């Protein structure tokens, strides 16, 4: 049983249901106490209809504090284990920090079926990841597929704590994405990314601390070994901003408050994951209602709403059949 299934059963039991019980209640019905439903109040001018599948987010209050590093992004591998990056703390007796010239990023495996009683072990020592000329280099998209672990990092600046307008901002500017390091033995040994902050996977930014589109990209979770991918491809969601933002604000390019959303996909392999020419980028809907692609430097915008942008189709681009993801439903 994977940890997510176990977690749903825990929530079900908390709500007074038995796992597998046939009832008019849904598995995500609130427990009697200790829960919180995240409020969702989109403005009337939201151009996207309410999702029929993702109807809300409920926090059950069931949790476990493993007292380890943060920035965990688990990927469910074919062997049944979860593999994840981590940094900024101590995990399994080893420390790592992603700030400064000596930045490193950790790698761990999460063992067990009960999310409240997992065993977390490092697969190898944290790996060096220089951010220069930026000041931070943190884990982002991480995927284990067919026994290969693709581990992405991204840069941040100008500093971890920046004072602005009476507030302290944490890493207010996203930087370039220096590709993926690769492991073919579940993280015991690594092949470094052939790319760097000065030669990133996506050709951005145009200048130091300039805007990016595919900032801090993360993989869409398609389950164990990507078994639910609609086309066998890995999808990445990035956030960013543009230089000509019509409503500019401070930190519109931070690691957690980027103003725009971008979607890309690639057929993952050691030969393709660090090759920009193998990526396709979601570019909105064409005249026939199908989805279309454009390269990362293509013409911007068909939809702009609440500072979240979907990039536009380049004139003459073929319909490559990108699958619409839930984020646009």
C-alpha atoms as a PDB file:
ATOM      1  CA  UNK A   1       0.000   0.000   0.000  1.00  0.00           C
ATOM      2  CA  UNK A   2       1.449   3.390  -0.921  1.00  0.00           C
ATOM      3  CA  UNK A   3       1.609   6.159   1.741  1.00  0.00           C
ATOM      4  CA  UNK A   4      -1.072   8.284   0.058  1.00  0.00           C
ATOM      5  CA  UNK A   5      -3.585   5.428   0.138  1.00  0.00           C
ATOM      6  CA  UNK A   6      -2.693   4.826   3.771  1.00  0.00           C
ATOM      7  CA  UNK A   7      -3.152   8.522   4.533  1.00  0.00           C
ATOM      8  CA  UNK A   8      -6.616   8.517   2.943  1.00  0.00           C
ATOM      9  CA  UNK A   9      -7.554   5.510   5.071  1.00  0.00           C
ATOM     10  CA  UNK A  10      -6.321   7.317   8.174  1.00  0.00           C
ATOM     11  CA  UNK A  11      -8.499  10.309   7.230  1.00  0.00           C
ATOM     12  CA  UNK A  12     -11.403   7.966   6.564  1.00  0.00           C
ATOM     13  CA  UNK A  13     -11.029   6.326   9.960  1.00  0.00           C
ATOM     14  CA  UNK A  14     -10.782   9.722  11.632  1.00  0.00           C
ATOM     15  CA  UNK A  15     -14.076  10.618  10.009  1.00  0.00           C
ATOM     16  CA  UNK A  16     -15.718   7.554  11.550  1.00  0.00           C
ATOM     17  CA  UNK A  17     -15.695   5.418   8.388  1.00  0.00           C
ATOM     18  CA  UNK A  18     -14.228   1.989   7.866  1.00  0.00           C
ATOM     19  CA  UNK A  19     -11.777   1.566   4.959  1.00  0.00           C
ATOM     20  CA  UNK A  20     -13.681   0.161   1.993  1.00  0.00           C
ATOM     21  CA  UNK A  21     -17.057   0.837   3.640  1.00  0.00           C
ATOM     22  CA  UNK A  22     -19.883   1.452   1.155  1.00  0.00           C
ATOM     23  CA  UNK A  23     -21.649   4.644   2.163  1.00  0.00           C
ATOM     24  CA  UNK A  24     -22.969   7.848   0.699  1.00  0.00           C
ATOM     25  CA  UNK A  25     -20.106   9.653   2.438  1.00  0.00           C
ATOM     26  CA  UNK A  26     -16.946  10.453   0.495  1.00  0.00           C
ATOM     27  CA  UNK A  27     -13.488   9.473   1.692  1.00  0.00           C
ATOM     28  CA  UNK A  28     -12.639  13.164   2.111  1.00  0.00           C
ATOM     29  CA  UNK A  29     -15.634  13.960   4.339  1.00  0.00           C
ATOM     30  CA  UNK A  30     -14.418  15.988   7.332  1.00  0.00           C
ATOM     31  CA  UNK A  31     -13.545  14.180  10.548  1.00  0.00           C
ATOM     32  CA  UNK A  32     -15.544  15.109  13.620  1.00  0.00           C
ATOM     33  CA  UNK A  33     -12.931  17.540  14.928  1.00  0.00           C
ATOM     34  CA  UNK A  34      -9.441  18.860  14.278  1.00  0.00           C
ATOM     35  CA  UNK A  35      -9.898  19.406  10.550  1.00  0.00           C
ATOM     36  CA  UNK A  36      -9.685  22.471   8.356  1.00  0.00           C
ATOM     37  CA  UNK A  37     -11.028  22.953   4.855  1.00  0.00           C
ATOM     38  CA  UNK A  38      -8.914  25.379   2.839  1.00  0.00           C
ATOM     39  CA  UNK A  39     -11.174  28.240   1.639  1.00  0.00           C
ATOM     40  CA  UNK A  40     -11.646  28.553  -2.118  1.00  0.00           C
ATOM     41  CA  UNK A  41     -13.283  31.785  -3.292  1.00  0.00           C
ATOM     42  CA  UNK A  42     -12.283  32.503  -6.902  1.00  0.00           C
ATOM     43  CA  UNK A  43     -13.384  35.901  -8.222  1.00  0.00           C
ATOM     44  CA  UNK A  44     -16.420  36.021 -10.539  1.00  0.00           C
ATOM     45  CA  UNK A  45     -14.210  36.800 -13.559  1.00  0.00           C
ATOM     46  CA  UNK A  46     -12.171  33.592 -13.234  1.00  0.00           C
ATOM     47  CA  UNK A  47     -11.933  32.216 -16.825  1.00  0.00           C
ATOM     48  CA  UNK A  48     -11.598  28.581 -15.709  1.00  0.00           C
ATOM     49  CA  UNK A  49     -14.599  26.512 -14.551  1.00  0.00           C
ATOM     50  CA  UNK A  50     -14.616  24.817 -11.167  1.00  0.00           C
ATOM     51  CA  UNK A  51     -12.927  21.423 -11.365  1.00  0.00           C
ATOM     52  CA  UNK A  52     -15.287  18.470 -10.983  1.00  0.00           C
ATOM     53  CA  UNK A  53     -12.436  16.254  -9.806  1.00  0.00           C
ATOM     54  CA  UNK A  54     -10.463  18.520  -7.459  1.00  0.00           C
ATOM     55  CA  UNK A  55     -13.252  19.917  -5.307  1.00  0.00           C
ATOM     56  CA  UNK A  56     -11.276  21.076  -2.295  1.00  0.00           C
ATOM     57  CA  UNK A  57      -8.375  20.586   0.103  1.00  0.00           C
ATOM     58  CA  UNK A  58      -8.938  19.247   3.604  1.00  0.00           C
ATOM     59  CA  UNK A  59      -6.329  19.164   6.374  1.00  0.00           C
ATOM     60  CA  UNK A  60      -7.173  16.302   8.742  1.00  0.00           C
ATOM     61  CA  UNK A  61      -4.669  17.343  11.482  1.00  0.00           C
ATOM     62  CA  UNK A  62      -3.203  13.823  11.245  1.00  0.00           C
ATOM     63  CA  UNK A  63       0.533  14.310  10.854  1.00  0.00           C
ATOM     64  CA  UNK A  64       3.970  13.261  12.034  1.00  0.00           C
ATOM     65  CA  UNK A  65       6.992  15.482  12.690  1.00  0.00           C
ATOM     66  CA  UNK A  66      10.078  13.612  11.524  1.00  0.00           C
ATOM     67  CA  UNK A  67      12.394  16.440  12.638  1.00  0.00           C
ATOM     68  CA  UNK A  68      14.517  16.320   9.516  1.00  0.00           C
ATOM     69  CA  UNK A  69      15.522  18.703   6.735  1.00  0.00           C
ATOM     70  CA  UNK A  70      12.905  20.358   4.546  1.00  0.00           C
ATOM     71  CA  UNK A  71      12.251  20.659   0.792  1.00  0.00           C
ATOM     72  CA  UNK A  72      11.077  17.045   0.441  1.00  0.00           C
ATOM     73  CA  UNK A  73       9.458  16.245  -2.946  1.00  0.00           C
ATOM     74  CA  UNK A  74       8.926  12.453  -2.936  1.00  0.00           C
ATOM     75  CA  UNK A  75       8.704  10.480  -6.170  1.00  0.00           C
ATOM     76  CA  UNK A  76       7.130   6.993  -6.048  1.00  0.00           C
ATOM     77  CA  UNK A  77       9.453   4.530  -7.763  1.00  0.00           C
ATOM     78  CA  UNK A  78       8.741   1.141  -9.301  1.00  0.00           C
ATOM     79  CA  UNK A  79      10.355  -0.590  -6.291  1.00  0.00           C
ATOM     80  CA  UNK A  80       7.600   0.824  -4.047  1.00  0.00           C
ATOM     81  CA  UNK A  81       9.803   3.316  -2.209  1.00  0.00           C
ATOM     82  CA  UNK A  82       9.627   7.109  -2.218  1.00  0.00           C
ATOM     83  CA  UNK A  83      12.799   8.969  -3.221  1.00  0.00           C
ATOM     84  CA  UNK A  84      13.175  12.624  -2.403  1.00  0.00           C
ATOM     85  CA  UNK A  85      15.530  15.586  -2.322  1.00  0.00           C
ATOM     86  CA  UNK A  86      15.998  17.521   0.896  1.00  0.00           C
ATOM     87  CA  UNK A  87      18.070  20.404   2.277  1.00  0.00           C
ATOM     88  CA  UNK A  88      18.349  23.071   5.007  1.00  0.00           C
ATOM     89  CA  UNK A  89      18.495  20.858   8.069  1.00  0.00           C
ATOM     90  CA  UNK A  90      19.626  17.457   9.319  1.00  0.00           C
ATOM     91  CA  UNK A  91      18.334  14.155   7.952  1.00  0.00           C
ATOM     92  CA  UNK A  92      19.511  10.734   9.130  1.00  0.00           C
ATOM     93  CA  UNK A  93      22.323  12.424  11.086  1.00  0.00           C
ATOM     94  CA  UNK A  94      23.622  14.420   8.096  1.00  0.00           C
ATOM     95  CA  UNK A  95      23.342  18.197   7.637  1.00  0.00           C
ATOM     96  CA  UNK A  96      22.850  20.151   4.410  1.00  0.00           C
ATOM     97  CA  UNK A  97      22.293  23.771   3.444  1.00  0.00           C
ATOM     98  CA  UNK A  98      21.490  25.251   0.033  1.00  0.00           C
ATOM     99  CA  UNK A  99      22.531  28.836   0.731  1.00  0.00           C
ATOM    100  CA  UNK A 100      25.874  30.364  -0.199  1.00  0.00           C
ATOM    101  CA  UNK A 101      28.796  29.365  -2.381  1.00  0.00           C
ATOM    102  CA  UNK A 102      29.143  25.992  -0.641  1.00  0.00           C
ATOM    103  CA  UNK A 103      25.514  24.963  -1.187  1.00  0.00           C
ATOM    104  CA  UNK A 104      24.692  21.243  -1.215  1.00  0.00           C
ATOM    105  CA  UNK A 105      21.470  19.280  -1.770  1.00  0.00           C
ATOM    106  CA  UNK A 106      20.590  16.033  -0.009  1.00  0.00           C
ATOM    107  CA  UNK A 107      18.931  12.852  -1.269  1.00  0.00           C
ATOM    108  CA  UNK A 108      16.943  10.321   0.734  1.00  0.00           C
ATOM    109  CA  UNK A 109      14.646   7.317   0.517  1.00  0.00           C
ATOM    110  CA  UNK A 110      11.417   7.053   2.520  1.00  0.00           C
ATOM    111  CA  UNK A 111      10.676   3.465   3.549  1.00  0.00           C
ATOM    112  CA  UNK A 112       7.384   2.056   4.817  1.00  0.00           C
ATOM    113  CA  UNK A 113       3.656   2.088   4.099  1.00  0.00           C
ATOM    114  CA  UNK A 114       2.440   4.161   7.060  1.00  0.00           C
ATOM    115  CA  UNK A 115       3.028   7.896   6.484  1.00  0.00           C
ATOM    116  CA  UNK A 116       3.115   8.418  10.258  1.00  0.00           C
ATOM    117  CA  UNK A 117       5.920   5.872  10.736  1.00  0.00           C
ATOM    118  CA  UNK A 118       8.230   6.155   7.767  1.00  0.00           C
ATOM    119  CA  UNK A 119      11.952   5.410   7.960  1.00  0.00           C
ATOM    120  CA  UNK A 120      14.037   8.074   6.215  1.00  0.00           C
ATOM    121  CA  UNK A 121      17.561   7.200   5.124  1.00  0.00           C
ATOM    122  CA  UNK A 122      20.115   9.090   3.039  1.00  0.00           C
ATOM    123  CA  UNK A 123      21.025   7.315  -0.177  1.00  0.00           C
ATOM    124  CA  UNK A 124      24.413   9.080  -0.342  1.00  0.00           C
ATOM    125  CA  UNK A 125      26.113  12.214   0.924  1.00  0.00           C
ATOM    126  CA  UNK A 126      24.622  15.600  -0.058  1.00  0.00           C
ATOM    127  CA  UNK A 127      25.880  16.704  -3.469  1.00  0.00           C
ATOM    128  CA  UNK A 128      27.628  20.026  -4.204  1.00  0.00           C
ATOM    129  CA  UNK A 129      25.523  22.560  -6.113  1.00  0.00           C
ATOM    130  CA  UNK A 130      27.168  25.955  -6.533  1.00  0.00           C
ATOM    131  CA  UNK A 131      24.632  28.741  -7.117  1.00  0.00           C
ATOM    132  CA  UNK A 132      27.085  31.412  -8.275  1.00  0.00           C
ATOM    133  CA  UNK A 133      26.491  34.136  -9.282  1.00  0.00           C
ATOM    134  CA  UNK A 134      23.228  33.598  -7.379  1.00  0.00           C
ATOM    135  CA  UNK A 135      23.264  32.980  -3.622  1.00  0.00           C
ATOM    136  CA  UNK A 136      21.071  29.907  -3.240  1.00  0.00           C
ATOM    137  CA  UNK A 137      20.587  26.633  -5.134  1.00  0.00           C
ATOM    138  CA  UNK A 138      17.718  24.462  -3.968  1.00  0.00           C
ATOM    139  CA  UNK A 139      16.064  21.181  -5.010  1.00  0.00           C
ATOM    140  CA  UNK A 140      13.084  21.377  -7.367  1.00  0.00           C
ATOM    141  CA  UNK A 141      11.616  18.810  -9.771  1.00  0.00           C
ATOM    142  CA  UNK A 142      12.562  15.269  -8.758  1.00  0.00           C
ATOM    143  CA  UNK A 143      11.430  12.152 -10.626  1.00  0.00           C
ATOM    144  CA  UNK A 144      12.281   8.450 -10.411  1.00  0.00           C
ATOM    145  CA  UNK A 145      11.208   6.627 -13.567  1.00  0.00           C
ATOM    146  CA  UNK A 146      12.232   3.168 -14.792  1.00  0.00           C
ATOM    147  CA  UNK A 147      14.989   3.030 -12.186  1.00  0.00           C
ATOM    148  CA  UNK A 148      16.527   6.415 -13.087  1.00  0.00           C
ATOM    149  CA  UNK A 149      16.409   9.333 -10.651  1.00  0.00           C
ATOM    150  CA  UNK A 150      16.309  12.817 -12.221  1.00  0.00           C
ATOM    151  CA  UNK A 151      17.123  15.445  -9.590  1.00  0.00           C
ATOM    152  CA  UNK A 152      16.631  19.108 -10.517  1.00  0.00           C
ATOM    153  CA  UNK A 153      17.885  22.243  -8.780  1.00  0.00           C
ATOM    154  CA  UNK A 154      17.228  25.952  -9.261  1.00  0.00           C
ATOM    155  CA  UNK A 155      18.942  29.171  -8.252  1.00  0.00           C
ATOM    156  CA  UNK A 156      17.719  31.977  -5.997  1.00  0.00           C
ATOM    157  CA  UNK A 157      18.752  35.510  -5.189  1.00  0.00           C
ATOM    158  CA  UNK A 158      19.762  38.009  -4.226  1.00  0.00           C
ATOM    159  CA  UNK A 159      19.875  36.752  -0.594  1.00  0.00           C
ATOM    160  CA  UNK A 160      17.937  34.453   1.705  1.00  0.00           C
ATOM    161  CA  UNK A 161      16.607  37.406   3.706  1.00  0.00           C
ATOM    162  CA  UNK A 162      15.935  40.763   2.056  1.00  0.00           C
ATOM    163  CA  UNK A 163      14.413  43.805   3.759  1.00  0.00           C
ATOM    164  CA  UNK A 164      11.884  45.664   1.628  1.00  0.00           C
ATOM    165  CA  UNK A 165       9.063  48.029   2.536  1.00  0.00           C
ATOM    166  CA  UNK A 166       9.107  47.010   6.191  1.00  0.00           C
ATOM    167  CA  UNK A 167       9.022  43.264   5.517  1.00  0.00           C
ATOM    168  CA  UNK A 168      11.624  40.518   5.478  1.00  0.00           C
ATOM    169  CA  UNK A 169      11.404  38.556   2.217  1.00  0.00           C
ATOM    170  CA  UNK A 170      12.795  35.054   1.769  1.00  0.00           C
ATOM    171  CA  UNK A 171      14.631  34.620  -1.562  1.00  0.00           C
ATOM    172  CA  UNK A 172      12.477  37.126  -3.531  1.00  0.00           C
ATOM    173  CA  UNK A 173      13.928  36.318  -6.987  1.00  0.00           C
ATOM    174  CA  UNK A 174      13.886  33.012  -8.861  1.00  0.00           C
ATOM    175  CA  UNK A 175      16.955  32.276 -10.950  1.00  0.00           C
ATOM    176  CA  UNK A 176      17.960  29.816 -13.682  1.00  0.00           C
ATOM    177  CA  UNK A 177      17.431  26.040 -13.608  1.00  0.00           C
ATOM    178  CA  UNK A 178      20.832  24.298 -14.090  1.00  0.00           C
ATOM    179  CA  UNK A 179      19.353  20.982 -15.239  1.00  0.00           C
ATOM    180  CA  UNK A 180      19.194  17.582 -13.586  1.00  0.00           C
ATOM    181  CA  UNK A 181      21.764  15.366 -11.954  1.00  0.00           C
ATOM    182  CA  UNK A 182      21.109  11.682 -12.633  1.00  0.00           C
ATOM    183  CA  UNK A 183      21.378   8.439 -10.670  1.00  0.00           C
ATOM    184  CA  UNK A 184      20.832   4.947 -12.063  1.00  0.00           C
ATOM    185  CA  UNK A 185      21.223   3.178  -8.702  1.00  0.00           C
ATOM    186  CA  UNK A 186      18.523   4.936  -6.633  1.00  0.00           C
ATOM    187  CA  UNK A 187      20.767   7.719  -5.395  1.00  0.00           C
ATOM    188  CA  UNK A 188      23.861   5.830  -4.290  1.00  0.00           C
ATOM    189  CA  UNK A 189      25.998   7.454  -7.005  1.00  0.00           C
ATOM    190  CA  UNK A 190      25.353  10.491  -9.214  1.00  0.00           C
ATOM    191  CA  UNK A 191      26.267  11.916 -12.598  1.00  0.00           C
ATOM    192  CA  UNK A 192      26.344  15.714 -12.243  1.00  0.00           C
ATOM    193  CA  UNK A 193      24.249  17.862 -14.552  1.00  0.00           C
ATOM    194  CA  UNK A 194      26.229  18.985 -17.634  1.00  0.00           C
ATOM    195  CA  UNK A 195      24.591  22.395 -17.180  1.00  0.00           C
ATOM    196  CA  UNK A 196      25.200  25.233 -14.715  1.00  0.00           C
ATOM    197  CA  UNK A 197      23.730  28.542 -13.498  1.00  0.00           C
ATOM    198  CA  UNK A 198      25.623  30.225 -16.331  1.00  0.00           C
ATOM    199  CA  UNK A 199      24.429  27.637 -18.868  1.00  0.00           C
ATOM    200  CA  UNK A 200      20.949  26.610 -17.659  1.00  0.00           C
ATOM    201  CA  UNK A 201      18.473  24.156 -19.170  1.00  0.00           C
ATOM    202  CA  UNK A 202      15.995  26.887 -20.105  1.00  0.00           C
ATOM    203  CA  UNK A 203      17.628  29.945 -21.768  1.00  0.00           C
ATOM    204  CA  UNK A 204      16.692  32.401 -19.052  1.00  0.00           C
ATOM    205  CA  UNK A 205      17.062  34.928 -17.515  1.00  0.00           C
ATOM    206  CA  UNK A 206      18.404  37.397 -20.064  1.00  0.00           C
ATOM    207  CA  UNK A 207      20.324  39.126 -17.265  1.00  0.00           C
ATOM    208  CA  UNK A 208      21.207  38.538 -13.619  1.00  0.00           C
ATOM    209  CA  UNK A 209      18.057  38.650 -11.441  1.00  0.00           C
ATOM    210  CA  UNK A 210      15.930  39.066 -14.570  1.00  0.00           C
ATOM    211  CA  UNK A 211      12.570  37.302 -15.013  1.00  0.00           C
ATOM    212  CA  UNK A 212      12.231  33.599 -15.812  1.00  0.00           C
ATOM    213  CA  UNK A 213       9.285  31.459 -16.947  1.00  0.00           C
ATOM    214  CA  UNK A 214      10.242  27.911 -15.878  1.00  0.00           C
ATOM    215  CA  UNK A 215      11.271  28.933 -12.374  1.00  0.00           C
ATOM    216  CA  UNK A 216      11.509  26.229  -9.710  1.00  0.00           C
ATOM    217  CA  UNK A 217       9.869  23.575 -11.962  1.00  0.00           C
ATOM    218  CA  UNK A 218       8.162  20.578 -10.336  1.00  0.00           C
ATOM    219  CA  UNK A 219       6.985  17.307 -11.853  1.00  0.00           C
ATOM    220  CA  UNK A 220       3.287  16.487 -12.046  1.00  0.00           C
ATOM    221  CA  UNK A 221       2.732  13.393  -9.882  1.00  0.00           C
ATOM    222  CA  UNK A 222       1.468  10.541 -12.082  1.00  0.00           C
ATOM    223  CA  UNK A 223       1.755   7.872  -9.394  1.00  0.00           C
ATOM    224  CA  UNK A 224       4.074   4.910  -9.105  1.00  0.00           C
ATOM    225  CA  UNK A 225       6.673   4.970 -11.887  1.00  0.00           C
ATOM    226  CA  UNK A 226       4.483   7.535 -13.766  1.00  0.00           C
ATOM    227  CA  UNK A 227       1.881   4.839 -14.404  1.00  0.00           C
ATOM    228  CA  UNK A 228      -0.920   7.389 -14.908  1.00  0.00           C
ATOM    229  CA  UNK A 229       0.850   9.647 -17.392  1.00  0.00           C
ATOM    230  CA  UNK A 230      -1.590  10.164 -20.273  1.00  0.00           C
ATOM    231  CA  UNK A 231       1.137   9.794 -22.905  1.00  0.00           C
ATOM    232  CA  UNK A 232       4.218   8.397 -21.157  1.00  0.00           C
ATOM    233  CA  UNK A 233       5.733  11.862 -20.834  1.00  0.00           C
ATOM    234  CA  UNK A 234       6.802  13.690 -17.693  1.00  0.00           C
ATOM    235  CA  UNK A 235       5.104  17.074 -17.165  1.00  0.00           C
ATOM    236  CA  UNK A 236       6.676  20.009 -15.331  1.00  0.00           C
ATOM    237  CA  UNK A 237       4.975  23.075 -13.868  1.00  0.00           C
ATOM    238  CA  UNK A 238       7.082  26.210 -13.534  1.00  0.00           C
ATOM    239  CA  UNK A 239       6.342  29.666 -12.144  1.00  0.00           C
ATOM    240  CA  UNK A 240       7.692  33.025 -13.222  1.00  0.00           C
ATOM    241  CA  UNK A 241       7.119  36.639 -14.241  1.00  0.00           C
ATOM    242  CA  UNK A 242       7.747  38.955 -17.179  1.00  0.00           C
ATOM    243  CA  UNK A 243       9.659  42.195 -17.501  1.00  0.00           C
ATOM    244  CA  UNK A 244       6.579  43.974 -18.886  1.00  0.00           C
ATOM    245  CA  UNK A 245       4.271  42.957 -16.023  1.00  0.00           C
ATOM    246  CA  UNK A 246       1.247  45.302 -16.284  1.00  0.00           C
ATOM    247  CA  UNK A 247       0.825  45.213 -12.501  1.00  0.00           C
ATOM    248  CA  UNK A 248       4.350  44.831 -11.150  1.00  0.00           C
ATOM    249  CA  UNK A 249       4.923  44.188  -7.479  1.00  0.00           C
ATOM    250  CA  UNK A 250       7.886  43.265  -5.337  1.00  0.00           C
ATOM    251  CA  UNK A 251       8.626  39.523  -5.193  1.00  0.00           C
ATOM    252  CA  UNK A 252       6.451  38.672  -8.198  1.00  0.00           C
ATOM    253  CA  UNK A 253       9.272  36.258  -9.043  1.00  0.00           C
ATOM    254  CA  UNK A 254       9.924  34.712  -5.633  1.00  0.00           C
ATOM    255  CA  UNK A 255      10.191  30.964  -5.050  1.00  0.00           C
ATOM    256  CA  UNK A 256       6.682  30.907  -3.586  1.00  0.00           C
ATOM    257  CA  UNK A 257       4.862  33.898  -5.140  1.00  0.00           C
ATOM    258  CA  UNK A 258       5.661  33.826  -8.856  1.00  0.00           C
ATOM    259  CA  UNK A 259       2.912  35.555 -10.865  1.00  0.00           C
ATOM    260  CA  UNK A 260       2.688  33.135 -13.791  1.00  0.00           C
ATOM    261  CA  UNK A 261       2.292  29.414 -14.444  1.00  0.00           C
ATOM    262  CA  UNK A 262       3.910  27.493 -17.308  1.00  0.00           C
ATOM    263  CA  UNK A 263       3.610  23.845 -18.326  1.00  0.00           C
ATOM    264  CA  UNK A 264       6.184  21.721 -20.168  1.00  0.00           C
ATOM    265  CA  UNK A 265       6.661  18.042 -20.950  1.00  0.00           C
ATOM    266  CA  UNK A 266       9.462  15.694 -21.964  1.00  0.00           C
ATOM    267  CA  UNK A 267       9.962  11.967 -22.521  1.00  0.00           C
ATOM    268  CA  UNK A 268      12.325  11.310 -19.606  1.00  0.00           C
ATOM    269  CA  UNK A 269      15.652   9.592 -20.259  1.00  0.00           C
ATOM    270  CA  UNK A 270      19.280  10.387 -19.442  1.00  0.00           C
ATOM    271  CA  UNK A 271      19.695  11.526 -23.062  1.00  0.00           C
ATOM    272  CA  UNK A 272      16.702  13.898 -23.105  1.00  0.00           C
ATOM    273  CA  UNK A 273      16.248  15.339 -19.618  1.00  0.00           C
ATOM    274  CA  UNK A 274      18.984  17.987 -20.028  1.00  0.00           C
ATOM    275  CA  UNK A 275      18.300  18.681 -23.729  1.00  0.00           C
ATOM    276  CA  UNK A 276      16.083  21.744 -24.288  1.00  0.00           C
ATOM    277  CA  UNK A 277      15.246  20.642 -27.847  1.00  0.00           C
ATOM    278  CA  UNK A 278      13.373  17.618 -26.451  1.00  0.00           C
ATOM    279  CA  UNK A 279      10.922  19.726 -24.417  1.00  0.00           C
ATOM    280  CA  UNK A 280       7.474  20.951 -25.471  1.00  0.00           C
ATOM    281  CA  UNK A 281       5.676  23.862 -23.810  1.00  0.00           C
ATOM    282  CA  UNK A 282       1.935  24.302 -23.351  1.00  0.00           C
ATOM    283  CA  UNK A 283       0.721  27.245 -25.415  1.00  0.00           C
ATOM    284  CA  UNK A 284      -3.018  27.437 -24.881  1.00  0.00           C
ATOM    285  CA  UNK A 285      -5.783  26.200 -27.171  1.00  0.00           C
ATOM    286  CA  UNK A 286      -5.769  26.539 -30.942  1.00  0.00           C
ATOM    287  CA  UNK A 287      -8.708  27.365 -33.230  1.00  0.00           C
ATOM    288  CA  UNK A 288      -9.743  23.694 -33.315  1.00  0.00           C
ATOM    289  CA  UNK A 289      -9.919  23.505 -29.517  1.00  0.00           C
ATOM    290  CA  UNK A 290      -6.846  21.311 -29.256  1.00  0.00           C
ATOM    291  CA  UNK A 291      -3.753  22.150 -27.261  1.00  0.00           C
ATOM    292  CA  UNK A 292      -0.622  23.421 -28.968  1.00  0.00           C
ATOM    293  CA  UNK A 293       3.050  23.830 -28.225  1.00  0.00           C
ATOM    294  CA  UNK A 294       5.628  26.582 -28.503  1.00  0.00           C
ATOM    295  CA  UNK A 295       9.304  26.741 -27.613  1.00  0.00           C
ATOM    296  CA  UNK A 296      10.284  28.492 -24.384  1.00  0.00           C
ATOM    297  CA  UNK A 297      11.121  31.765 -26.139  1.00  0.00           C
ATOM    298  CA  UNK A 298       7.829  31.906 -28.058  1.00  0.00           C
ATOM    299  CA  UNK A 299       5.334  34.733 -28.258  1.00  0.00           C
ATOM    300  CA  UNK A 300       3.569  35.314 -24.922  1.00  0.00           C
ATOM    301  CA  UNK A 301       0.027  35.226 -23.706  1.00  0.00           C
ATOM    302  CA  UNK A 302      -3.406  34.157 -24.702  1.00  0.00           C
ATOM    303  CA  UNK A 303      -4.830  34.212 -21.199  1.00  0.00           C
ATOM    304  CA  UNK A 304      -3.818  36.570 -18.398  1.00  0.00           C
ATOM    305  CA  UNK A 305      -5.881  36.543 -15.230  1.00  0.00           C
ATOM    306  CA  UNK A 306      -4.887  37.430 -11.673  1.00  0.00           C
ATOM    307  CA  UNK A 307      -1.298  37.547 -12.934  1.00  0.00           C
ATOM    308  CA  UNK A 308      -1.320  33.869 -13.943  1.00  0.00           C
ATOM    309  CA  UNK A 309      -0.393  33.506 -17.612  1.00  0.00           C
ATOM    310  CA  UNK A 310      -0.702  30.730 -20.183  1.00  0.00           C
ATOM    311  CA  UNK A 311       1.790  31.260 -23.028  1.00  0.00           C
ATOM    312  CA  UNK A 312       0.429  31.626 -26.538  1.00  0.00           C
ATOM    313  CA  UNK A 313       0.722  29.530 -29.657  1.00  0.00           C
ATOM    314  CA  UNK A 314       3.383  30.557 -32.151  1.00  0.00           C
ATOM    315  CA  UNK A 315       2.004  31.174 -35.648  1.00  0.00           C
ATOM    316  CA  UNK A 316       2.144  28.000 -37.721  1.00  0.00           C
ATOM    317  CA  UNK A 317       2.883  25.628 -34.838  1.00  0.00           C
ATOM    318  CA  UNK A 318       1.435  22.145 -35.344  1.00  0.00           C
ATOM    319  CA  UNK A 319      -1.061  20.719 -32.898  1.00  0.00           C
ATOM    320  CA  UNK A 320       1.068  18.296 -30.939  1.00  0.00           C
ATOM    321  CA  UNK A 321      -1.777  17.134 -28.730  1.00  0.00           C
ATOM    322  CA  UNK A 322      -0.582  18.217 -25.295  1.00  0.00           C
ATOM    323  CA  UNK A 323      -2.941  16.899 -22.662  1.00  0.00           C
ATOM    324  CA  UNK A 324      -4.787  19.531 -20.650  1.00  0.00           C
ATOM    325  CA  UNK A 325      -3.887  19.199 -16.979  1.00  0.00           C
ATOM    326  CA  UNK A 326      -6.149  19.652 -13.964  1.00  0.00           C
ATOM    327  CA  UNK A 327      -4.537  23.011 -13.210  1.00  0.00           C
ATOM    328  CA  UNK A 328      -6.378  24.429 -16.234  1.00  0.00           C
ATOM    329  CA  UNK A 329      -9.713  22.672 -15.654  1.00  0.00           C
END
